[in-house]
Amino acid sequence: GEPTPFGWPSRSSYFGIFDLCGFPKDRAYLYQSQWTDKPVVHLF
């Protein structure tokens, strides 16, 4: 639901850090770089 900024045929949201499957979008690594001490280098 809530597929802002689109309507049909989008049927799920675009807001997640992770997609509906739980796969990371690129910004997941931005949060990881800011919120953890893990060594992070992520190219895209």
PDB file of all heavy atoms in Angstrom:
ATOM      1  N   GLY A   1       0.810  -1.209   0.000  1.00  0.00           N
ATOM      2  CA  GLY A   1       0.000   0.000   0.000  1.00  0.00           C
ATOM      3  C   GLY A   1       0.843   1.259   0.000  1.00  0.00           C
ATOM      4  O   GLY A   1       2.065   1.227   0.008  1.00  0.00           O
ATOM      5  N   GLU A   2       0.179   2.412  -0.065  1.00  0.00           N
ATOM      6  CA  GLU A   2       0.777   3.746  -0.005  1.00  0.00           C
ATOM      7  C   GLU A   2       1.972   3.896  -0.957  1.00  0.00           C
ATOM      8  O   GLU A   2       3.082   4.191  -0.520  1.00  0.00           O
ATOM      9  CB  GLU A   2       1.193   4.092   1.422  1.00  0.00           C
ATOM     10  CG  GLU A   2       1.370   5.597   1.624  1.00  0.00           C
ATOM     11  CD  GLU A   2       1.581   5.995   3.088  1.00  0.00           C
ATOM     12  OE1 GLU A   2       2.225   5.237   3.834  1.00  0.00           O
ATOM     13  OE2 GLU A   2       1.073   7.064   3.464  1.00  0.00           O
ATOM     14  N   PRO A   3       1.763   3.730  -2.270  1.00  0.00           N
ATOM     15  CA  PRO A   3       2.885   3.780  -3.217  1.00  0.00           C
ATOM     16  C   PRO A   3       3.250   5.193  -3.662  1.00  0.00           C
ATOM     17  O   PRO A   3       3.505   5.438  -4.841  1.00  0.00           O
ATOM     18  CB  PRO A   3       2.365   2.959  -4.390  1.00  0.00           C
ATOM     19  CG  PRO A   3       0.899   3.226  -4.396  1.00  0.00           C
ATOM     20  CD  PRO A   3       0.497   3.357  -2.936  1.00  0.00           C
ATOM     21  N   THR A   4       3.297   6.130  -2.721  1.00  0.00           N
ATOM     22  CA  THR A   4       3.677   7.515  -3.026  1.00  0.00           C
ATOM     23  C   THR A   4       4.990   7.540  -3.802  1.00  0.00           C
ATOM     24  O   THR A   4       5.922   6.846  -3.431  1.00  0.00           O
ATOM     25  CB  THR A   4       3.846   8.299  -1.710  1.00  0.00           C
ATOM     26  OG1 THR A   4       2.656   8.185  -0.956  1.00  0.00           O
ATOM     27  CG2 THR A   4       4.162   9.758  -1.963  1.00  0.00           C
ATOM     28  N   PRO A   5       5.108   8.281  -4.888  1.00  0.00           N
ATOM     29  CA  PRO A   5       4.201   9.306  -5.417  1.00  0.00           C
ATOM     30  C   PRO A   5       3.266   8.784  -6.502  1.00  0.00           C
ATOM     31  O   PRO A   5       2.671   9.565  -7.234  1.00  0.00           O
ATOM     32  CB  PRO A   5       5.183  10.311  -6.018  1.00  0.00           C
ATOM     33  CG  PRO A   5       6.274   9.445  -6.567  1.00  0.00           C
ATOM     34  CD  PRO A   5       6.400   8.303  -5.593  1.00  0.00           C
ATOM     35  N   PHE A   6       3.167   7.465  -6.635  1.00  0.00           N
ATOM     36  CA  PHE A   6       2.409   6.886  -7.727  1.00  0.00           C
ATOM     37  C   PHE A   6       1.088   6.303  -7.262  1.00  0.00           C
ATOM     38  O   PHE A   6       0.872   6.068  -6.067  1.00  0.00           O
ATOM     39  CB  PHE A   6       3.231   5.773  -8.401  1.00  0.00           C
ATOM     40  CG  PHE A   6       4.532   6.240  -8.980  1.00  0.00           C
ATOM     41  CD1 PHE A   6       5.730   5.813  -8.463  1.00  0.00           C
ATOM     42  CD2 PHE A   6       4.560   7.122 -10.045  1.00  0.00           C
ATOM     43  CE1 PHE A   6       6.937   6.246  -8.987  1.00  0.00           C
ATOM     44  CE2 PHE A   6       5.747   7.562 -10.584  1.00  0.00           C
ATOM     45  CZ  PHE A   6       6.949   7.123 -10.054  1.00  0.00           C
ATOM     46  N   GLY A   7       0.223   6.063  -8.217  1.00  0.00           N
ATOM     47  CA  GLY A   7      -0.976   5.276  -7.995  1.00  0.00           C
ATOM     48  C   GLY A   7      -0.825   3.948  -8.715  1.00  0.00           C
ATOM     49  O   GLY A   7       0.277   3.438  -8.889  1.00  0.00           O
ATOM     50  N   TRP A   8      -1.937   3.407  -9.161  1.00  0.00           N
ATOM     51  CA  TRP A   8      -1.933   2.171  -9.913  1.00  0.00           C
ATOM     52  C   TRP A   8      -1.022   2.306 -11.134  1.00  0.00           C
ATOM     53  O   TRP A   8      -0.992   3.374 -11.736  1.00  0.00           O
ATOM     54  CB  TRP A   8      -3.365   1.858 -10.365  1.00  0.00           C
ATOM     55  CG  TRP A   8      -3.528   0.518 -11.006  1.00  0.00           C
ATOM     56  CD1 TRP A   8      -3.562   0.243 -12.331  1.00  0.00           C
ATOM     57  CD2 TRP A   8      -3.666  -0.719 -10.328  1.00  0.00           C
ATOM     58  NE1 TRP A   8      -3.717  -1.093 -12.522  1.00  0.00           N
ATOM     59  CE2 TRP A   8      -3.778  -1.717 -11.310  1.00  0.00           C
ATOM     60  CE3 TRP A   8      -3.699  -1.099  -8.986  1.00  0.00           C
ATOM     61  CZ2 TRP A   8      -3.929  -3.069 -11.000  1.00  0.00           C
ATOM     62  CZ3 TRP A   8      -3.848  -2.439  -8.675  1.00  0.00           C
ATOM     63  CH2 TRP A   8      -3.961  -3.397  -9.675  1.00  0.00           C
ATOM     64  N   PRO A   9      -0.219   1.283 -11.500  1.00  0.00           N
ATOM     65  CA  PRO A   9      -0.226  -0.082 -10.957  1.00  0.00           C
ATOM     66  C   PRO A   9       0.726  -0.320  -9.796  1.00  0.00           C
ATOM     67  O   PRO A   9       0.927  -1.478  -9.411  1.00  0.00           O
ATOM     68  CB  PRO A   9       0.209  -0.894 -12.173  1.00  0.00           C
ATOM     69  CG  PRO A   9       1.200  -0.015 -12.860  1.00  0.00           C
ATOM     70  CD  PRO A   9       0.650   1.383 -12.707  1.00  0.00           C
ATOM     71  N   SER A  10       1.335   0.699  -9.219  1.00  0.00           N
ATOM     72  CA  SER A  10       2.161   0.462  -8.033  1.00  0.00           C
ATOM     73  C   SER A  10       1.279  -0.008  -6.889  1.00  0.00           C
ATOM     74  O   SER A  10       0.227   0.571  -6.637  1.00  0.00           O
ATOM     75  CB  SER A  10       2.902   1.742  -7.648  1.00  0.00           C
ATOM     76  OG  SER A  10       3.806   2.139  -8.652  1.00  0.00           O
ATOM     77  N   ARG A  11       1.714  -1.051  -6.191  1.00  0.00           N
ATOM     78  CA  ARG A  11       0.881  -1.638  -5.137  1.00  0.00           C
ATOM     79  C   ARG A  11       1.590  -1.689  -3.788  1.00  0.00           C
ATOM     80  O   ARG A  11       1.068  -2.225  -2.817  1.00  0.00           O
ATOM     81  CB  ARG A  11       0.395  -3.034  -5.525  1.00  0.00           C
ATOM     82  CG  ARG A  11       1.433  -3.983  -6.151  1.00  0.00           C
ATOM     83  CD  ARG A  11       2.435  -4.534  -5.169  1.00  0.00           C
ATOM     84  NE  ARG A  11       3.221  -5.609  -5.746  1.00  0.00           N
ATOM     85  CZ  ARG A  11       4.438  -5.925  -5.328  1.00  0.00           C
ATOM     86  NH1 ARG A  11       5.026  -5.214  -4.385  1.00  0.00           N
ATOM     87  NH2 ARG A  11       5.083  -6.941  -5.873  1.00  0.00           N
ATOM     88  N   SER A  12       2.803  -1.152  -3.703  1.00  0.00           N
ATOM     89  CA  SER A  12       3.515  -1.127  -2.427  1.00  0.00           C
ATOM     90  C   SER A  12       4.398   0.108  -2.378  1.00  0.00           C
ATOM     91  O   SER A  12       4.634   0.774  -3.387  1.00  0.00           O
ATOM     92  CB  SER A  12       4.336  -2.407  -2.219  1.00  0.00           C
ATOM     93  OG  SER A  12       5.182  -2.659  -3.319  1.00  0.00           O
ATOM     94  N   SER A  13       4.905   0.397  -1.201  1.00  0.00           N
ATOM     95  CA  SER A  13       5.583   1.671  -0.969  1.00  0.00           C
ATOM     96  C   SER A  13       7.001   1.677  -1.524  1.00  0.00           C
ATOM     97  O   SER A  13       7.579   0.647  -1.864  1.00  0.00           O
ATOM     98  CB  SER A  13       5.617   1.978   0.524  1.00  0.00           C
ATOM     99  OG  SER A  13       6.646   1.236   1.159  1.00  0.00           O
ATOM    100  N   TYR A  14       7.583   2.880  -1.572  1.00  0.00           N
ATOM    101  CA  TYR A  14       8.958   3.095  -2.019  1.00  0.00           C
ATOM    102  C   TYR A  14       9.820   3.658  -0.881  1.00  0.00           C
ATOM    103  O   TYR A  14      10.964   4.009  -1.086  1.00  0.00           O
ATOM    104  CB  TYR A  14       8.993   4.096  -3.178  1.00  0.00           C
ATOM    105  CG  TYR A  14       8.290   3.633  -4.433  1.00  0.00           C
ATOM    106  CD1 TYR A  14       6.901   3.667  -4.540  1.00  0.00           C
ATOM    107  CD2 TYR A  14       9.006   3.175  -5.530  1.00  0.00           C
ATOM    108  CE1 TYR A  14       6.258   3.255  -5.690  1.00  0.00           C
ATOM    109  CE2 TYR A  14       8.382   2.766  -6.695  1.00  0.00           C
ATOM    110  CZ  TYR A  14       6.999   2.806  -6.773  1.00  0.00           C
ATOM    111  OH  TYR A  14       6.361   2.399  -7.922  1.00  0.00           O
ATOM    112  N   PHE A  15       9.271   3.747   0.323  1.00  0.00           N
ATOM    113  CA  PHE A  15       9.924   4.453   1.427  1.00  0.00           C
ATOM    114  C   PHE A  15      11.015   3.645   2.125  1.00  0.00           C
ATOM    115  O   PHE A  15      11.844   4.193   2.831  1.00  0.00           O
ATOM    116  CB  PHE A  15       8.886   4.852   2.484  1.00  0.00           C
ATOM    117  CG  PHE A  15       7.891   5.868   2.023  1.00  0.00           C
ATOM    118  CD1 PHE A  15       6.540   5.569   2.000  1.00  0.00           C
ATOM    119  CD2 PHE A  15       8.300   7.126   1.628  1.00  0.00           C
ATOM    120  CE1 PHE A  15       5.605   6.511   1.592  1.00  0.00           C
ATOM    121  CE2 PHE A  15       7.371   8.078   1.226  1.00  0.00           C
ATOM    122  CZ  PHE A  15       6.019   7.767   1.196  1.00  0.00           C
ATOM    123  N   GLY A  16      10.994   2.330   1.996  1.00  0.00           N
ATOM    124  CA  GLY A  16      11.840   1.482   2.811  1.00  0.00           C
ATOM    125  C   GLY A  16      13.330   1.634   2.562  1.00  0.00           C
ATOM    126  O   GLY A  16      13.776   1.880   1.439  1.00  0.00           O
ATOM    127  N   ILE A  17      14.095   1.459   3.632  1.00  0.00           N
ATOM    128  CA  ILE A  17      15.542   1.300   3.496  1.00  0.00           C
ATOM    129  C   ILE A  17      15.827  -0.026   2.806  1.00  0.00           C
ATOM    130  O   ILE A  17      16.786  -0.161   2.048  1.00  0.00           O
ATOM    131  CB  ILE A  17      16.213   1.356   4.881  1.00  0.00           C
ATOM    132  CG1 ILE A  17      15.940   2.698   5.569  1.00  0.00           C
ATOM    133  CG2 ILE A  17      17.713   1.111   4.779  1.00  0.00           C
ATOM    134  CD1 ILE A  17      16.372   2.746   7.032  1.00  0.00           C
ATOM    135  N   PHE A  18      14.942  -0.990   3.063  1.00  0.00           N
ATOM    136  CA  PHE A  18      14.981  -2.293   2.405  1.00  0.00           C
ATOM    137  C   PHE A  18      13.696  -2.464   1.611  1.00  0.00           C
ATOM    138  O   PHE A  18      12.647  -1.933   1.991  1.00  0.00           O
ATOM    139  CB  PHE A  18      15.111  -3.413   3.440  1.00  0.00           C
ATOM    140  CG  PHE A  18      16.386  -3.358   4.238  1.00  0.00           C
ATOM    141  CD1 PHE A  18      16.470  -2.598   5.393  1.00  0.00           C
ATOM    142  CD2 PHE A  18      17.516  -4.052   3.830  1.00  0.00           C
ATOM    143  CE1 PHE A  18      17.643  -2.525   6.124  1.00  0.00           C
ATOM    144  CE2 PHE A  18      18.695  -4.001   4.551  1.00  0.00           C
ATOM    145  CZ  PHE A  18      18.761  -3.229   5.699  1.00  0.00           C
ATOM    146  N   ASP A  19      13.769  -3.194   0.505  1.00  0.00           N
ATOM    147  CA  ASP A  19      12.578  -3.359  -0.320  1.00  0.00           C
ATOM    148  C   ASP A  19      11.620  -4.367   0.302  1.00  0.00           C
ATOM    149  O   ASP A  19      11.853  -4.857   1.417  1.00  0.00           O
ATOM    150  CB  ASP A  19      12.955  -3.712  -1.769  1.00  0.00           C
ATOM    151  CG  ASP A  19      13.513  -5.127  -1.941  1.00  0.00           C
ATOM    152  OD1 ASP A  19      13.412  -5.953  -1.011  1.00  0.00           O
ATOM    153  OD2 ASP A  19      14.062  -5.410  -3.034  1.00  0.00           O
ATOM    154  N   LEU A  20      10.537  -4.672  -0.388  1.00  0.00           N
ATOM    155  CA  LEU A  20       9.503  -5.532   0.177  1.00  0.00           C
ATOM    156  C   LEU A  20      10.022  -6.941   0.447  1.00  0.00           C
ATOM    157  O   LEU A  20       9.467  -7.667   1.273  1.00  0.00           O
ATOM    158  CB  LEU A  20       8.295  -5.587  -0.772  1.00  0.00           C
ATOM    159  CG  LEU A  20       6.943  -5.937  -0.148  1.00  0.00           C
ATOM    160  CD1 LEU A  20       6.507  -4.884   0.854  1.00  0.00           C
ATOM    161  CD2 LEU A  20       5.873  -6.106  -1.222  1.00  0.00           C
ATOM    162  N   CYS A  21      11.093  -7.342  -0.234  1.00  0.00           N
ATOM    163  CA  CYS A  21      11.709  -8.651   0.002  1.00  0.00           C
ATOM    164  C   CYS A  21      12.675  -8.631   1.183  1.00  0.00           C
ATOM    165  O   CYS A  21      13.110  -9.696   1.644  1.00  0.00           O
ATOM    166  CB  CYS A  21      12.484  -9.108  -1.236  1.00  0.00           C
ATOM    167  SG  CYS A  21      11.489  -9.402  -2.700  1.00  0.00           S
ATOM    168  N   GLY A  22      13.061  -7.444   1.614  1.00  0.00           N
ATOM    169  CA  GLY A  22      14.105  -7.341   2.620  1.00  0.00           C
ATOM    170  C   GLY A  22      15.483  -7.193   2.023  1.00  0.00           C
ATOM    171  O   GLY A  22      16.497  -7.268   2.735  1.00  0.00           O
ATOM    172  N   PHE A  23      15.570  -6.947   0.710  1.00  0.00           N
ATOM    173  CA  PHE A  23      16.857  -6.711   0.060  1.00  0.00           C
ATOM    174  C   PHE A  23      17.246  -5.244   0.248  1.00  0.00           C
ATOM    175  O   PHE A  23      16.397  -4.350   0.127  1.00  0.00           O
ATOM    176  CB  PHE A  23      16.782  -7.025  -1.434  1.00  0.00           C
ATOM    177  CG  PHE A  23      16.386  -8.444  -1.755  1.00  0.00           C
ATOM    178  CD1 PHE A  23      15.675  -8.730  -2.914  1.00  0.00           C
ATOM    179  CD2 PHE A  23      16.715  -9.499  -0.912  1.00  0.00           C
ATOM    180  CE1 PHE A  23      15.311 -10.027  -3.228  1.00  0.00           C
ATOM    181  CE2 PHE A  23      16.347 -10.801  -1.214  1.00  0.00           C
ATOM    182  CZ  PHE A  23      15.637 -11.066  -2.381  1.00  0.00           C
ATOM    183  N   PRO A  24      18.529  -4.951   0.511  1.00  0.00           N
ATOM    184  CA  PRO A  24      18.932  -3.568   0.785  1.00  0.00           C
ATOM    185  C   PRO A  24      18.920  -2.697  -0.456  1.00  0.00           C
ATOM    186  O   PRO A  24      19.366  -3.090  -1.526  1.00  0.00           O
ATOM    187  CB  PRO A  24      20.353  -3.720   1.327  1.00  0.00           C
ATOM    188  CG  PRO A  24      20.855  -5.002   0.736  1.00  0.00           C
ATOM    189  CD  PRO A  24      19.644  -5.900   0.647  1.00  0.00           C
ATOM    190  N   LYS A  25      18.378  -1.490  -0.308  1.00  0.00           N
ATOM    191  CA  LYS A  25      18.600  -0.440  -1.288  1.00  0.00           C
ATOM    192  C   LYS A  25      19.957   0.203  -0.955  1.00  0.00           C
ATOM    193  O   LYS A  25      20.506  -0.011   0.122  1.00  0.00           O
ATOM    194  CB  LYS A  25      17.473   0.587  -1.232  1.00  0.00           C
ATOM    195  CG  LYS A  25      16.089  -0.018  -1.487  1.00  0.00           C
ATOM    196  CD  LYS A  25      14.983   1.011  -1.334  1.00  0.00           C
ATOM    197  CE  LYS A  25      13.606   0.375  -1.450  1.00  0.00           C
ATOM    198  NZ  LYS A  25      12.502   1.350  -1.264  1.00  0.00           N
ATOM    199  N   ASP A  26      20.464   1.022  -1.853  1.00  0.00           N
ATOM    200  CA  ASP A  26      21.789   1.595  -1.614  1.00  0.00           C
ATOM    201  C   ASP A  26      21.848   2.382  -0.316  1.00  0.00           C
ATOM    202  O   ASP A  26      22.860   2.368   0.395  1.00  0.00           O
ATOM    203  CB  ASP A  26      22.197   2.479  -2.795  1.00  0.00           C
ATOM    204  CG  ASP A  26      22.509   1.652  -4.035  1.00  0.00           C
ATOM    205  OD1 ASP A  26      23.516   0.929  -4.016  1.00  0.00           O
ATOM    206  OD2 ASP A  26      21.731   1.720  -5.001  1.00  0.00           O
ATOM    207  N   ARG A  27      20.744   3.055   0.036  1.00  0.00           N
ATOM    208  CA  ARG A  27      20.808   3.902   1.238  1.00  0.00           C
ATOM    209  C   ARG A  27      20.951   3.111   2.524  1.00  0.00           C
ATOM    210  O   ARG A  27      21.288   3.670   3.570  1.00  0.00           O
ATOM    211  CB  ARG A  27      19.616   4.835   1.296  1.00  0.00           C
ATOM    212  CG  ARG A  27      18.250   4.210   1.268  1.00  0.00           C
ATOM    213  CD  ARG A  27      17.225   5.339   1.223  1.00  0.00           C
ATOM    214  NE  ARG A  27      16.124   5.048   0.343  1.00  0.00           N
ATOM    215  CZ  ARG A  27      14.874   4.925   0.756  1.00  0.00           C
ATOM    216  NH1 ARG A  27      14.576   5.058   2.033  1.00  0.00           N
ATOM    217  NH2 ARG A  27      13.904   4.700  -0.111  1.00  0.00           N
ATOM    218  N   ALA A  28      20.714   1.788   2.469  1.00  0.00           N
ATOM    219  CA  ALA A  28      20.976   0.969   3.655  1.00  0.00           C
ATOM    220  C   ALA A  28      22.433   1.113   4.077  1.00  0.00           C
ATOM    221  O   ALA A  28      22.753   1.146   5.274  1.00  0.00           O
ATOM    222  CB  ALA A  28      20.653  -0.493   3.370  1.00  0.00           C
ATOM    223  N   TYR A  29      23.323   1.244   3.101  1.00  0.00           N
ATOM    224  CA  TYR A  29      24.749   1.357   3.408  1.00  0.00           C
ATOM    225  C   TYR A  29      25.105   2.754   3.913  1.00  0.00           C
ATOM    226  O   TYR A  29      26.094   2.917   4.635  1.00  0.00           O
ATOM    227  CB  TYR A  29      25.568   0.989   2.176  1.00  0.00           C
ATOM    228  CG  TYR A  29      25.298  -0.432   1.729  1.00  0.00           C
ATOM    229  CD1 TYR A  29      24.352  -0.705   0.739  1.00  0.00           C
ATOM    230  CD2 TYR A  29      25.954  -1.501   2.333  1.00  0.00           C
ATOM    231  CE1 TYR A  29      24.083  -2.008   0.343  1.00  0.00           C
ATOM    232  CE2 TYR A  29      25.686  -2.804   1.945  1.00  0.00           C
ATOM    233  CZ  TYR A  29      24.748  -3.053   0.951  1.00  0.00           C
ATOM    234  OH  TYR A  29      24.476  -4.343   0.575  1.00  0.00           O
ATOM    235  N   LEU A  30      24.308   3.755   3.553  1.00  0.00           N
ATOM    236  CA  LEU A  30      24.510   5.077   4.126  1.00  0.00           C
ATOM    237  C   LEU A  30      24.214   5.037   5.621  1.00  0.00           C
ATOM    238  O   LEU A  30      25.001   5.537   6.445  1.00  0.00           O
ATOM    239  CB  LEU A  30      23.629   6.112   3.431  1.00  0.00           C
ATOM    240  CG  LEU A  30      23.631   7.519   4.033  1.00  0.00           C
ATOM    241  CD1 LEU A  30      25.031   8.099   4.110  1.00  0.00           C
ATOM    242  CD2 LEU A  30      22.708   8.447   3.240  1.00  0.00           C
ATOM    243  N   TYR A  31      23.069   4.442   5.984  1.00  0.00           N
ATOM    244  CA  TYR A  31      22.763   4.323   7.407  1.00  0.00           C
ATOM    245  C   TYR A  31      23.821   3.488   8.116  1.00  0.00           C
ATOM    246  O   TYR A  31      24.259   3.822   9.228  1.00  0.00           O
ATOM    247  CB  TYR A  31      21.376   3.703   7.604  1.00  0.00           C
ATOM    248  CG  TYR A  31      20.250   4.653   7.312  1.00  0.00           C
ATOM    249  CD1 TYR A  31      19.480   4.523   6.156  1.00  0.00           C
ATOM    250  CD2 TYR A  31      19.952   5.698   8.178  1.00  0.00           C
ATOM    251  CE1 TYR A  31      18.442   5.404   5.875  1.00  0.00           C
ATOM    252  CE2 TYR A  31      18.916   6.584   7.920  1.00  0.00           C
ATOM    253  CZ  TYR A  31      18.170   6.429   6.762  1.00  0.00           C
ATOM    254  OH  TYR A  31      17.158   7.316   6.489  1.00  0.00           O
ATOM    255  N   GLN A  32      24.248   2.402   7.501  1.00  0.00           N
ATOM    256  CA  GLN A  32      25.269   1.559   8.118  1.00  0.00           C
ATOM    257  C   GLN A  32      26.559   2.344   8.360  1.00  0.00           C
ATOM    258  O   GLN A  32      27.202   2.195   9.399  1.00  0.00           O
ATOM    259  CB  GLN A  32      25.543   0.344   7.236  1.00  0.00           C
ATOM    260  CG  GLN A  32      26.453  -0.695   7.871  1.00  0.00           C
ATOM    261  CD  GLN A  32      26.682  -1.868   6.955  1.00  0.00           C
ATOM    262  OE1 GLN A  32      27.105  -1.714   5.808  1.00  0.00           O
ATOM    263  NE2 GLN A  32      26.405  -3.071   7.444  1.00  0.00           N
ATOM    264  N   SER A  33      26.907   3.211   7.403  1.00  0.00           N
ATOM    265  CA  SER A  33      28.130   3.997   7.561  1.00  0.00           C
ATOM    266  C   SER A  33      28.014   5.035   8.668  1.00  0.00           C
ATOM    267  O   SER A  33      29.016   5.425   9.267  1.00  0.00           O
ATOM    268  CB  SER A  33      28.487   4.687   6.231  1.00  0.00           C
ATOM    269  OG  SER A  33      27.602   5.765   5.948  1.00  0.00           O
ATOM    270  N   GLN A  34      26.788   5.481   8.957  1.00  0.00           N
ATOM    271  CA  GLN A  34      26.571   6.509   9.979  1.00  0.00           C
ATOM    272  C   GLN A  34      26.254   5.921  11.349  1.00  0.00           C
ATOM    273  O   GLN A  34      26.519   6.557  12.374  1.00  0.00           O
ATOM    274  CB  GLN A  34      25.418   7.424   9.546  1.00  0.00           C
ATOM    275  CG  GLN A  34      25.662   8.148   8.235  1.00  0.00           C
ATOM    276  CD  GLN A  34      26.832   9.104   8.298  1.00  0.00           C
ATOM    277  OE1 GLN A  34      26.932   9.933   9.213  1.00  0.00           O
ATOM    278  NE2 GLN A  34      27.742   9.006   7.342  1.00  0.00           N
ATOM    279  N   TRP A  35      25.691   4.721  11.386  1.00  0.00           N
ATOM    280  CA  TRP A  35      25.162   4.161  12.628  1.00  0.00           C
ATOM    281  C   TRP A  35      25.981   3.006  13.196  1.00  0.00           C
ATOM    282  O   TRP A  35      25.636   2.481  14.258  1.00  0.00           O
ATOM    283  CB  TRP A  35      23.727   3.681  12.407  1.00  0.00           C
ATOM    284  CG  TRP A  35      22.723   4.796  12.314  1.00  0.00           C
ATOM    285  CD1 TRP A  35      22.929   6.124  12.508  1.00  0.00           C
ATOM    286  CD2 TRP A  35      21.322   4.660  12.020  1.00  0.00           C
ATOM    287  NE1 TRP A  35      21.762   6.832  12.350  1.00  0.00           N
ATOM    288  CE2 TRP A  35      20.767   5.953  12.045  1.00  0.00           C
ATOM    289  CE3 TRP A  35      20.502   3.576  11.734  1.00  0.00           C
ATOM    290  CZ2 TRP A  35      19.405   6.187  11.800  1.00  0.00           C
ATOM    291  CZ3 TRP A  35      19.159   3.806  11.481  1.00  0.00           C
ATOM    292  CH2 TRP A  35      18.612   5.101  11.515  1.00  0.00           C
ATOM    293  N   THR A  36      27.021   2.574  12.502  1.00  0.00           N
ATOM    294  CA  THR A  36      27.825   1.469  13.008  1.00  0.00           C
ATOM    295  C   THR A  36      29.310   1.811  12.897  1.00  0.00           C
ATOM    296  O   THR A  36      29.703   2.763  12.229  1.00  0.00           O
ATOM    297  CB  THR A  36      27.569   0.158  12.234  1.00  0.00           C
ATOM    298  OG1 THR A  36      28.261   0.199  10.978  1.00  0.00           O
ATOM    299  CG2 THR A  36      26.085  -0.078  11.998  1.00  0.00           C
ATOM    300  N   ASP A  37      30.115   0.982  13.566  1.00  0.00           N
ATOM    301  CA  ASP A  37      31.565   1.081  13.454  1.00  0.00           C
ATOM    302  C   ASP A  37      32.121   0.058  12.474  1.00  0.00           C
ATOM    303  O   ASP A  37      33.342  -0.081  12.353  1.00  0.00           O
ATOM    304  CB  ASP A  37      32.213   0.871  14.832  1.00  0.00           C
ATOM    305  CG  ASP A  37      31.854   1.989  15.802  1.00  0.00           C
ATOM    306  OD1 ASP A  37      31.734   3.145  15.346  1.00  0.00           O
ATOM    307  OD2 ASP A  37      31.682   1.704  17.000  1.00  0.00           O
ATOM    308  N   LYS A  38      31.237  -0.661  11.787  1.00  0.00           N
ATOM    309  CA  LYS A  38      31.700  -1.620  10.794  1.00  0.00           C
ATOM    310  C   LYS A  38      32.402  -0.880   9.658  1.00  0.00           C
ATOM    311  O   LYS A  38      31.958   0.202   9.255  1.00  0.00           O
ATOM    312  CB  LYS A  38      30.511  -2.398  10.204  1.00  0.00           C
ATOM    313  CG  LYS A  38      29.711  -3.207  11.201  1.00  0.00           C
ATOM    314  CD  LYS A  38      28.510  -3.831  10.521  1.00  0.00           C
ATOM    315  CE  LYS A  38      27.636  -4.579  11.503  1.00  0.00           C
ATOM    316  NZ  LYS A  38      26.413  -5.131  10.843  1.00  0.00           N
ATOM    317  N   PRO A  39      33.474  -1.436   9.117  1.00  0.00           N
ATOM    318  CA  PRO A  39      34.086  -0.825   7.938  1.00  0.00           C
ATOM    319  C   PRO A  39      33.119  -0.883   6.747  1.00  0.00           C
ATOM    320  O   PRO A  39      32.684  -1.955   6.343  1.00  0.00           O
ATOM    321  CB  PRO A  39      35.323  -1.687   7.686  1.00  0.00           C
ATOM    322  CG  PRO A  39      35.607  -2.344   8.999  1.00  0.00           C
ATOM    323  CD  PRO A  39      34.262  -2.581   9.617  1.00  0.00           C
ATOM    324  N   VAL A  40      32.738   0.281   6.234  1.00  0.00           N
ATOM    325  CA  VAL A  40      31.765   0.368   5.150  1.00  0.00           C
ATOM    326  C   VAL A  40      32.373   1.121   3.971  1.00  0.00           C
ATOM    327  O   VAL A  40      32.829   2.261   4.125  1.00  0.00           O
ATOM    328  CB  VAL A  40      30.471   1.085   5.597  1.00  0.00           C
ATOM    329  CG1 VAL A  40      29.491   1.199   4.430  1.00  0.00           C
ATOM    330  CG2 VAL A  40      29.830   0.360   6.774  1.00  0.00           C
ATOM    331  N   VAL A  41      32.400   0.483   2.816  1.00  0.00           N
ATOM    332  CA  VAL A  41      32.665   1.138   1.540  1.00  0.00           C
ATOM    333  C   VAL A  41      31.687   0.518   0.552  1.00  0.00           C
ATOM    334  O   VAL A  41      31.774  -0.668   0.258  1.00  0.00           O
ATOM    335  CB  VAL A  41      34.119   0.931   1.060  1.00  0.00           C
ATOM    336  CG1 VAL A  41      34.278   1.451  -0.368  1.00  0.00           C
ATOM    337  CG2 VAL A  41      35.104   1.644   1.976  1.00  0.00           C
ATOM    338  N   HIS A  42      30.737   1.307   0.076  1.00  0.00           N
ATOM    339  CA  HIS A  42      29.707   0.798  -0.833  1.00  0.00           C
ATOM    340  C   HIS A  42      29.627   1.678  -2.071  1.00  0.00           C
ATOM    341  O   HIS A  42      29.302   2.866  -1.979  1.00  0.00           O
ATOM    342  CB  HIS A  42      28.342   0.751  -0.141  1.00  0.00           C
ATOM    343  CG  HIS A  42      27.219   0.372  -1.064  1.00  0.00           C
ATOM    344  ND1 HIS A  42      27.047  -0.912  -1.546  1.00  0.00           N
ATOM    345  CD2 HIS A  42      26.220   1.123  -1.618  1.00  0.00           C
ATOM    346  CE1 HIS A  42      25.999  -0.941  -2.345  1.00  0.00           C
ATOM    347  NE2 HIS A  42      25.485   0.280  -2.412  1.00  0.00           N
ATOM    348  N   LEU A  43      29.912   1.070  -3.219  1.00  0.00           N
ATOM    349  CA  LEU A  43      29.872   1.762  -4.509  1.00  0.00           C
ATOM    350  C   LEU A  43      28.541   1.545  -5.206  1.00  0.00           C
ATOM    351  O   LEU A  43      27.947   0.463  -5.115  1.00  0.00           O
ATOM    352  CB  LEU A  43      30.972   1.220  -5.429  1.00  0.00           C
ATOM    353  CG  LEU A  43      32.392   1.774  -5.329  1.00  0.00           C
ATOM    354  CD1 LEU A  43      33.271   1.017  -6.305  1.00  0.00           C
ATOM    355  CD2 LEU A  43      32.423   3.270  -5.613  1.00  0.00           C
ATOM    356  N   PHE A  44      28.085   2.543  -5.930  1.00  0.00           N
ATOM    357  CA  PHE A  44      26.942   2.387  -6.825  1.00  0.00           C
ATOM    358  C   PHE A  44      27.007   3.482  -7.880  1.00  0.00           C
ATOM    359  O   PHE A  44      27.674   4.497  -7.672  1.00  0.00           O
ATOM    360  CB  PHE A  44      25.611   2.412  -6.043  1.00  0.00           C
ATOM    361  CG  PHE A  44      25.321   3.698  -5.305  1.00  0.00           C
ATOM    362  CD1 PHE A  44      24.420   4.622  -5.822  1.00  0.00           C
ATOM    363  CD2 PHE A  44      25.918   3.999  -4.083  1.00  0.00           C
ATOM    364  CE1 PHE A  44      24.123   5.803  -5.156  1.00  0.00           C
ATOM    365  CE2 PHE A  44      25.632   5.174  -3.400  1.00  0.00           C
ATOM    366  CZ  PHE A  44      24.732   6.074  -3.938  1.00  0.00           C
TER     367      PHE A  44
END
